[in-house]
Structures are given as C-alpha cells and as structure tokens.
mmCIF file of all heavy atoms, coordinates in Angstrom:
data_MODEL
# 
_entry.id   MODEL 
# 
loop_
_atom_site.group_PDB 
_atom_site.id 
_atom_site.type_symbol 
_atom_site.label_atom_id 
_atom_site.label_alt_id 
_atom_site.label_comp_id 
_atom_site.label_asym_id 
_atom_site.label_entity_id 
_atom_site.label_seq_id 
_atom_site.pdbx_PDB_ins_code 
_atom_site.Cartn_x 
_atom_site.Cartn_y 
_atom_site.Cartn_z 
_atom_site.occupancy 
_atom_site.B_iso_or_equiv 
_atom_site.pdbx_formal_charge 
_atom_site.auth_seq_id 
_atom_site.auth_comp_id 
_atom_site.auth_asym_id 
_atom_site.auth_atom_id 
_atom_site.pdbx_PDB_model_num 
ATOM 1   N N   . ALA A 1 1  ? 141.234 -4.305 -60.436 1.00 0.00 ? 1  ALA A N   1 
ATOM 2   C CA  . ALA A 1 1  ? 141.053 -3.193 -61.375 1.00 0.00 ? 1  ALA A CA  1 
ATOM 3   C C   . ALA A 1 1  ? 142.022 -2.038 -61.137 1.00 0.00 ? 1  ALA A C   1 
ATOM 4   O O   . ALA A 1 1  ? 142.567 -1.463 -62.045 1.00 0.00 ? 1  ALA A O   1 
ATOM 5   C CB  . ALA A 1 1  ? 139.614 -2.709 -61.360 1.00 0.00 ? 1  ALA A CB  1 
ATOM 6   N N   . ILE A 1 2  ? 142.248 -1.821 -59.833 1.00 0.00 ? 2  ILE A N   1 
ATOM 7   C CA  . ILE A 1 2  ? 143.195 -0.710 -59.505 1.00 0.00 ? 2  ILE A CA  1 
ATOM 8   C C   . ILE A 1 2  ? 144.617 -1.081 -59.891 1.00 0.00 ? 2  ILE A C   1 
ATOM 9   O O   . ILE A 1 2  ? 145.357 -0.229 -60.477 1.00 0.00 ? 2  ILE A O   1 
ATOM 10  C CB  . ILE A 1 2  ? 143.133 -0.421 -57.930 1.00 0.00 ? 2  ILE A CB  1 
ATOM 11  C CG1 . ILE A 1 2  ? 141.759 0.118  -57.565 1.00 0.00 ? 2  ILE A CG1 1 
ATOM 12  C CG2 . ILE A 1 2  ? 144.251 0.506  -57.528 1.00 0.00 ? 2  ILE A CG2 1 
ATOM 13  C CD1 . ILE A 1 2  ? 141.535 0.275  -56.083 1.00 0.00 ? 2  ILE A CD1 1 
ATOM 14  N N   . ARG A 1 3  ? 145.031 -2.292 -59.710 1.00 0.00 ? 3  ARG A N   1 
ATOM 15  C CA  . ARG A 1 3  ? 146.379 -2.686 -60.123 1.00 0.00 ? 3  ARG A CA  1 
ATOM 16  C C   . ARG A 1 3  ? 146.581 -2.669 -61.608 1.00 0.00 ? 3  ARG A C   1 
ATOM 17  O O   . ARG A 1 3  ? 147.630 -2.326 -62.124 1.00 0.00 ? 3  ARG A O   1 
ATOM 18  C CB  . ARG A 1 3  ? 146.701 -4.069 -59.517 1.00 0.00 ? 3  ARG A CB  1 
ATOM 19  C CG  . ARG A 1 3  ? 146.761 -4.088 -57.964 1.00 0.00 ? 3  ARG A CG  1 
ATOM 20  C CD  . ARG A 1 3  ? 147.267 -5.383 -57.467 1.00 0.00 ? 3  ARG A CD  1 
ATOM 21  N NE  . ARG A 1 3  ? 147.282 -5.424 -55.978 1.00 0.00 ? 3  ARG A NE  1 
ATOM 22  C CZ  . ARG A 1 3  ? 148.294 -4.877 -55.246 1.00 0.00 ? 3  ARG A CZ  1 
ATOM 23  N NH1 . ARG A 1 3  ? 149.296 -4.295 -55.879 1.00 0.00 ? 3  ARG A NH1 1 
ATOM 24  N NH2 . ARG A 1 3  ? 148.226 -4.893 -53.928 1.00 0.00 ? 3  ARG A NH2 1 
ATOM 25  N N   . ASP A 1 4  ? 145.516 -3.120 -62.333 1.00 0.00 ? 4  ASP A N   1 
ATOM 26  C CA  . ASP A 1 4  ? 145.588 -3.064 -63.789 1.00 0.00 ? 4  ASP A CA  1 
ATOM 27  C C   . ASP A 1 4  ? 145.706 -1.555 -64.264 1.00 0.00 ? 4  ASP A C   1 
ATOM 28  O O   . ASP A 1 4  ? 146.482 -1.289 -65.204 1.00 0.00 ? 4  ASP A O   1 
ATOM 29  C CB  . ASP A 1 4  ? 144.359 -3.657 -64.403 1.00 0.00 ? 4  ASP A CB  1 
ATOM 30  C CG  . ASP A 1 4  ? 144.265 -5.171 -64.208 1.00 0.00 ? 4  ASP A CG  1 
ATOM 31  O OD1 . ASP A 1 4  ? 145.351 -5.780 -63.911 1.00 0.00 ? 4  ASP A OD1 1 
ATOM 32  O OD2 . ASP A 1 4  ? 143.204 -5.785 -64.372 1.00 0.00 ? 4  ASP A OD2 1 
ATOM 33  N N   . ALA A 1 5  ? 144.954 -0.694 -63.612 1.00 0.00 ? 5  ALA A N   1 
ATOM 34  C CA  . ALA A 1 5  ? 145.013 0.721  -64.030 1.00 0.00 ? 5  ALA A CA  1 
ATOM 35  C C   . ALA A 1 5  ? 146.395 1.281  -63.718 1.00 0.00 ? 5  ALA A C   1 
ATOM 36  O O   . ALA A 1 5  ? 146.965 2.088  -64.493 1.00 0.00 ? 5  ALA A O   1 
ATOM 37  C CB  . ALA A 1 5  ? 143.951 1.521  -63.251 1.00 0.00 ? 5  ALA A CB  1 
ATOM 38  N N   . HIS A 1 6  ? 146.985 0.858  -62.573 1.00 0.00 ? 6  HIS A N   1 
ATOM 39  C CA  . HIS A 1 6  ? 148.343 1.325  -62.228 1.00 0.00 ? 6  HIS A CA  1 
ATOM 40  C C   . HIS A 1 6  ? 149.367 0.833  -63.206 1.00 0.00 ? 6  HIS A C   1 
ATOM 41  O O   . HIS A 1 6  ? 150.240 1.648  -63.662 1.00 0.00 ? 6  HIS A O   1 
ATOM 42  C CB  . HIS A 1 6  ? 148.677 0.837  -60.786 1.00 0.00 ? 6  HIS A CB  1 
ATOM 43  C CG  . HIS A 1 6  ? 150.113 1.154  -60.439 1.00 0.00 ? 6  HIS A CG  1 
ATOM 44  N ND1 . HIS A 1 6  ? 151.130 0.203  -60.540 1.00 0.00 ? 6  HIS A ND1 1 
ATOM 45  C CD2 . HIS A 1 6  ? 150.657 2.274  -60.015 1.00 0.00 ? 6  HIS A CD2 1 
ATOM 46  C CE1 . HIS A 1 6  ? 152.270 0.751  -60.176 1.00 0.00 ? 6  HIS A CE1 1 
ATOM 47  N NE2 . HIS A 1 6  ? 152.041 2.008  -59.803 1.00 0.00 ? 6  HIS A NE2 1 
ATOM 48  N N   . GLN A 1 7  ? 149.290 -0.380 -63.661 1.00 0.00 ? 7  GLN A N   1 
ATOM 49  C CA  . GLN A 1 7  ? 150.204 -0.927 -64.628 1.00 0.00 ? 7  GLN A CA  1 
ATOM 50  C C   . GLN A 1 7  ? 150.065 -0.156 -65.982 1.00 0.00 ? 7  GLN A C   1 
ATOM 51  O O   . GLN A 1 7  ? 151.103 0.092  -66.660 1.00 0.00 ? 7  GLN A O   1 
ATOM 52  C CB  . GLN A 1 7  ? 149.964 -2.387 -64.855 1.00 0.00 ? 7  GLN A CB  1 
ATOM 53  C CG  . GLN A 1 7  ? 150.968 -3.090 -65.804 1.00 0.00 ? 7  GLN A CG  1 
ATOM 54  C CD  . GLN A 1 7  ? 152.392 -2.992 -65.247 1.00 0.00 ? 7  GLN A CD  1 
ATOM 55  O OE1 . GLN A 1 7  ? 152.609 -3.190 -64.051 1.00 0.00 ? 7  GLN A OE1 1 
ATOM 56  N NE2 . GLN A 1 7  ? 153.328 -2.763 -66.140 1.00 0.00 ? 7  GLN A NE2 1 
ATOM 57  N N   . ASP A 1 8  ? 148.862 0.128  -66.358 1.00 0.00 ? 8  ASP A N   1 
ATOM 58  C CA  . ASP A 1 8  ? 148.660 0.892  -67.628 1.00 0.00 ? 8  ASP A CA  1 
ATOM 59  C C   . ASP A 1 8  ? 149.221 2.296  -67.467 1.00 0.00 ? 8  ASP A C   1 
ATOM 60  O O   . ASP A 1 8  ? 149.828 2.823  -68.409 1.00 0.00 ? 8  ASP A O   1 
ATOM 61  C CB  . ASP A 1 8  ? 147.164 0.990  -67.896 1.00 0.00 ? 8  ASP A CB  1 
ATOM 62  C CG  . ASP A 1 8  ? 146.908 1.555  -69.285 1.00 0.00 ? 8  ASP A CG  1 
ATOM 63  O OD1 . ASP A 1 8  ? 147.154 0.848  -70.271 1.00 0.00 ? 8  ASP A OD1 1 
ATOM 64  O OD2 . ASP A 1 8  ? 146.453 2.703  -69.357 1.00 0.00 ? 8  ASP A OD2 1 
ATOM 65  N N   . ALA A 1 9  ? 149.107 2.924  -66.300 1.00 0.00 ? 9  ALA A N   1 
ATOM 66  C CA  . ALA A 1 9  ? 149.657 4.249  -66.074 1.00 0.00 ? 9  ALA A CA  1 
ATOM 67  C C   . ALA A 1 9  ? 151.216 4.233  -66.143 1.00 0.00 ? 9  ALA A C   1 
ATOM 68  O O   . ALA A 1 9  ? 151.846 5.121  -66.743 1.00 0.00 ? 9  ALA A O   1 
ATOM 69  C CB  . ALA A 1 9  ? 149.176 4.792  -64.760 1.00 0.00 ? 9  ALA A CB  1 
ATOM 70  N N   . VAL A 1 10 ? 151.825 3.184  -65.587 1.00 0.00 ? 10 VAL A N   1 
ATOM 71  C CA  . VAL A 1 10 ? 153.247 3.057  -65.633 1.00 0.00 ? 10 VAL A CA  1 
ATOM 72  C C   . VAL A 1 10 ? 153.720 2.881  -67.055 1.00 0.00 ? 10 VAL A C   1 
ATOM 73  O O   . VAL A 1 10 ? 154.742 3.495  -67.498 1.00 0.00 ? 10 VAL A O   1 
ATOM 74  C CB  . VAL A 1 10 ? 153.680 1.884  -64.744 1.00 0.00 ? 10 VAL A CB  1 
ATOM 75  C CG1 . VAL A 1 10 ? 155.163 1.568  -64.917 1.00 0.00 ? 10 VAL A CG1 1 
ATOM 76  C CG2 . VAL A 1 10 ? 153.403 2.177  -63.293 1.00 0.00 ? 10 VAL A CG2 1 
ATOM 77  N N   . SER A 1 11 ? 153.027 2.081  -67.855 1.00 0.00 ? 11 SER A N   1 
ATOM 78  C CA  . SER A 1 11 ? 153.413 1.881  -69.203 1.00 0.00 ? 11 SER A CA  1 
ATOM 79  C C   . SER A 1 11 ? 153.294 3.140  -70.019 1.00 0.00 ? 11 SER A C   1 
ATOM 80  O O   . SER A 1 11 ? 154.109 3.504  -70.839 1.00 0.00 ? 11 SER A O   1 
ATOM 81  C CB  . SER A 1 11 ? 152.531 0.775  -69.876 1.00 0.00 ? 11 SER A CB  1 
ATOM 82  O OG  . SER A 1 11 ? 152.670 -0.444 -69.145 1.00 0.00 ? 11 SER A OG  1 
ATOM 83  N N   . ALA A 1 12 ? 152.206 3.883  -69.797 1.00 0.00 ? 12 ALA A N   1 
ATOM 84  C CA  . ALA A 1 12 ? 152.033 5.168  -70.506 1.00 0.00 ? 12 ALA A CA  1 
ATOM 85  C C   . ALA A 1 12 ? 153.100 6.164  -70.141 1.00 0.00 ? 12 ALA A C   1 
ATOM 86  O O   . ALA A 1 12 ? 153.633 6.902  -70.990 1.00 0.00 ? 12 ALA A O   1 
ATOM 87  C CB  . ALA A 1 12 ? 150.659 5.727  -70.180 1.00 0.00 ? 12 ALA A CB  1 
ATOM 88  N N   . ALA A 1 13 ? 153.509 6.225  -68.868 1.00 0.00 ? 13 ALA A N   1 
ATOM 89  C CA  . ALA A 1 13 ? 154.552 7.120  -68.474 1.00 0.00 ? 13 ALA A CA  1 
ATOM 90  C C   . ALA A 1 13 ? 155.861 6.741  -69.063 1.00 0.00 ? 13 ALA A C   1 
ATOM 91  O O   . ALA A 1 13 ? 156.689 7.599  -69.477 1.00 0.00 ? 13 ALA A O   1 
ATOM 92  C CB  . ALA A 1 13 ? 154.664 7.158  -66.960 1.00 0.00 ? 13 ALA A CB  1 
ATOM 93  N N   . ALA A 1 14 ? 156.168 5.408  -69.190 1.00 0.00 ? 14 ALA A N   1 
ATOM 94  C CA  . ALA A 1 14 ? 157.416 4.975  -69.775 1.00 0.00 ? 14 ALA A CA  1 
ATOM 95  C C   . ALA A 1 14 ? 157.458 5.325  -71.283 1.00 0.00 ? 14 ALA A C   1 
ATOM 96  O O   . ALA A 1 14 ? 158.444 5.741  -71.797 1.00 0.00 ? 14 ALA A O   1 
ATOM 97  C CB  . ALA A 1 14 ? 157.529 3.499  -69.584 1.00 0.00 ? 14 ALA A CB  1 
ATOM 98  N N   . ALA A 1 15 ? 156.305 5.168  -71.965 1.00 0.00 ? 15 ALA A N   1 
ATOM 99  C CA  . ALA A 1 15 ? 156.207 5.495  -73.383 1.00 0.00 ? 15 ALA A CA  1 
ATOM 100 C C   . ALA A 1 15 ? 156.421 7.004  -73.585 1.00 0.00 ? 15 ALA A C   1 
ATOM 101 O O   . ALA A 1 15 ? 157.153 7.417  -74.506 1.00 0.00 ? 15 ALA A O   1 
ATOM 102 C CB  . ALA A 1 15 ? 154.887 5.082  -73.975 1.00 0.00 ? 15 ALA A CB  1 
ATOM 103 N N   . ALA A 1 16 ? 155.808 7.807  -72.700 1.00 0.00 ? 16 ALA A N   1 
ATOM 104 C CA  . ALA A 1 16 ? 156.022 9.240  -72.827 1.00 0.00 ? 16 ALA A CA  1 
ATOM 105 C C   . ALA A 1 16 ? 157.461 9.631  -72.586 1.00 0.00 ? 16 ALA A C   1 
ATOM 106 O O   . ALA A 1 16 ? 158.035 10.535 -73.263 1.00 0.00 ? 16 ALA A O   1 
ATOM 107 C CB  . ALA A 1 16 ? 155.110 9.950  -71.849 1.00 0.00 ? 16 ALA A CB  1 
ATOM 108 N N   . LEU A 1 17 ? 158.132 8.921  -71.656 1.00 0.00 ? 17 LEU A N   1 
ATOM 109 C CA  . LEU A 1 17 ? 159.547 9.197  -71.393 1.00 0.00 ? 17 LEU A CA  1 
ATOM 110 C C   . LEU A 1 17 ? 160.425 8.858  -72.587 1.00 0.00 ? 17 LEU A C   1 
ATOM 111 O O   . LEU A 1 17 ? 161.333 9.602  -72.920 1.00 0.00 ? 17 LEU A O   1 
ATOM 112 C CB  . LEU A 1 17 ? 160.013 8.417  -70.190 1.00 0.00 ? 17 LEU A CB  1 
ATOM 113 C CG  . LEU A 1 17 ? 161.462 8.597  -69.719 1.00 0.00 ? 17 LEU A CG  1 
ATOM 114 C CD1 . LEU A 1 17 ? 161.723 10.094 -69.368 1.00 0.00 ? 17 LEU A CD1 1 
ATOM 115 C CD2 . LEU A 1 17 ? 161.824 7.736  -68.537 1.00 0.00 ? 17 LEU A CD2 1 
ATOM 116 N N   . GLN A 1 18 ? 160.109 7.729  -73.287 1.00 0.00 ? 18 GLN A N   1 
ATOM 117 C CA  . GLN A 1 18 ? 160.831 7.345  -74.470 1.00 0.00 ? 18 GLN A CA  1 
ATOM 118 C C   . GLN A 1 18 ? 160.679 8.410  -75.598 1.00 0.00 ? 18 GLN A C   1 
ATOM 119 O O   . GLN A 1 18 ? 161.654 8.726  -76.281 1.00 0.00 ? 18 GLN A O   1 
ATOM 120 C CB  . GLN A 1 18 ? 160.379 5.998  -74.995 1.00 0.00 ? 18 GLN A CB  1 
ATOM 121 C CG  . GLN A 1 18 ? 160.803 4.836  -74.067 1.00 0.00 ? 18 GLN A CG  1 
ATOM 122 C CD  . GLN A 1 18 ? 160.291 3.504  -74.573 1.00 0.00 ? 18 GLN A CD  1 
ATOM 123 O OE1 . GLN A 1 18 ? 159.618 3.464  -75.582 1.00 0.00 ? 18 GLN A OE1 1 
ATOM 124 N NE2 . GLN A 1 18 ? 160.625 2.415  -73.882 1.00 0.00 ? 18 GLN A NE2 1 
ATOM 125 N N   . ILE A 1 19 ? 159.470 8.933  -75.746 1.00 0.00 ? 19 ILE A N   1 
ATOM 126 C CA  . ILE A 1 19 ? 159.242 9.971  -76.752 1.00 0.00 ? 19 ILE A CA  1 
ATOM 127 C C   . ILE A 1 19 ? 160.039 11.210 -76.402 1.00 0.00 ? 19 ILE A C   1 
ATOM 128 O O   . ILE A 1 19 ? 160.650 11.828 -77.277 1.00 0.00 ? 19 ILE A O   1 
ATOM 129 C CB  . ILE A 1 19 ? 157.747 10.259 -76.823 1.00 0.00 ? 19 ILE A CB  1 
ATOM 130 C CG1 . ILE A 1 19 ? 156.941 9.089  -77.383 1.00 0.00 ? 19 ILE A CG1 1 
ATOM 131 C CG2 . ILE A 1 19 ? 157.501 11.477 -77.709 1.00 0.00 ? 19 ILE A CG2 1 
ATOM 132 C CD1 . ILE A 1 19 ? 155.466 9.220  -77.342 1.00 0.00 ? 19 ILE A CD1 1 
ATOM 133 N N   . GLN A 1 20 ? 160.095 11.583 -75.109 1.00 0.00 ? 20 GLN A N   1 
ATOM 134 C CA  . GLN A 1 20 ? 160.873 12.748 -74.732 1.00 0.00 ? 20 GLN A CA  1 
ATOM 135 C C   . GLN A 1 20 ? 162.343 12.564 -74.953 1.00 0.00 ? 20 GLN A C   1 
ATOM 136 O O   . GLN A 1 20 ? 163.063 13.457 -75.425 1.00 0.00 ? 20 GLN A O   1 
ATOM 137 C CB  . GLN A 1 20 ? 160.587 13.040 -73.252 1.00 0.00 ? 20 GLN A CB  1 
ATOM 138 C CG  . GLN A 1 20 ? 159.195 13.533 -72.944 1.00 0.00 ? 20 GLN A CG  1 
ATOM 139 C CD  . GLN A 1 20 ? 158.952 13.806 -71.495 1.00 0.00 ? 20 GLN A CD  1 
ATOM 140 O OE1 . GLN A 1 20 ? 159.869 13.577 -70.660 1.00 0.00 ? 20 GLN A OE1 1 
ATOM 141 N NE2 . GLN A 1 20 ? 157.745 14.205 -71.154 1.00 0.00 ? 20 GLN A NE2 1 
ATOM 142 N N   . GLU A 1 21 ? 162.819 11.359 -74.665 1.00 0.00 ? 21 GLU A N   1 
ATOM 143 C CA  . GLU A 1 21 ? 164.263 11.040 -74.866 1.00 0.00 ? 21 GLU A CA  1 
ATOM 144 C C   . GLU A 1 21 ? 164.615 11.045 -76.373 1.00 0.00 ? 21 GLU A C   1 
ATOM 145 O O   . GLU A 1 21 ? 165.668 11.508 -76.748 1.00 0.00 ? 21 GLU A O   1 
ATOM 146 C CB  . GLU A 1 21 ? 164.622 9.715  -74.240 1.00 0.00 ? 21 GLU A CB  1 
ATOM 147 C CG  . GLU A 1 21 ? 164.555 9.691  -72.740 1.00 0.00 ? 21 GLU A CG  1 
ATOM 148 C CD  . GLU A 1 21 ? 164.803 8.349  -72.150 1.00 0.00 ? 21 GLU A CD  1 
ATOM 149 O OE1 . GLU A 1 21 ? 164.814 7.331  -72.902 1.00 0.00 ? 21 GLU A OE1 1 
ATOM 150 O OE2 . GLU A 1 21 ? 165.020 8.202  -70.918 1.00 0.00 ? 21 GLU A OE2 1 
ATOM 151 N N   . ALA A 1 22 ? 163.709 10.471 -77.194 1.00 0.00 ? 22 ALA A N   1 
ATOM 152 C CA  . ALA A 1 22 ? 163.960 10.519 -78.624 1.00 0.00 ? 22 ALA A CA  1 
ATOM 153 C C   . ALA A 1 22 ? 163.966 11.903 -79.191 1.00 0.00 ? 22 ALA A C   1 
ATOM 154 O O   . ALA A 1 22 ? 164.773 12.257 -80.020 1.00 0.00 ? 22 ALA A O   1 
ATOM 155 C CB  . ALA A 1 22 ? 162.882 9.669  -79.358 1.00 0.00 ? 22 ALA A CB  1 
ATOM 156 N N   . ALA A 1 23 ? 163.045 12.738 -78.676 1.00 0.00 ? 23 ALA A N   1 
ATOM 157 C CA  . ALA A 1 23 ? 163.010 14.155 -79.136 1.00 0.00 ? 23 ALA A CA  1 
ATOM 158 C C   . ALA A 1 23 ? 164.268 14.882 -78.683 1.00 0.00 ? 23 ALA A C   1 
ATOM 159 O O   . ALA A 1 23 ? 164.868 15.697 -79.442 1.00 0.00 ? 23 ALA A O   1 
ATOM 160 C CB  . ALA A 1 23 ? 161.791 14.834 -78.598 1.00 0.00 ? 23 ALA A CB  1 
ATOM 161 N N   . ALA A 1 24 ? 164.717 14.579 -77.431 1.00 0.00 ? 24 ALA A N   1 
ATOM 162 C CA  . ALA A 1 24 ? 165.934 15.234 -76.950 1.00 0.00 ? 24 ALA A CA  1 
ATOM 163 C C   . ALA A 1 24 ? 167.147 14.793 -77.764 1.00 0.00 ? 24 ALA A C   1 
ATOM 164 O O   . ALA A 1 24 ? 168.079 15.578 -78.085 1.00 0.00 ? 24 ALA A O   1 
ATOM 165 C CB  . ALA A 1 24 ? 166.134 14.905 -75.475 1.00 0.00 ? 24 ALA A CB  1 
# 
C-alpha cells in the first residue's frame, strides 16, 4: 500500500510539473 501511494504521489507531482511547464 505504501509503494502504491508513493507511485501515485510521483505521478501527481509529474502532472503538476507538466502543468507548470505548459503555463510557463
């Protein structure tokens, strides 16, 4: 469960980074 949560957190952080890069 911890590893699944970590993978989800990494995916969310990558999506947020893409949004920031698109906005920039």
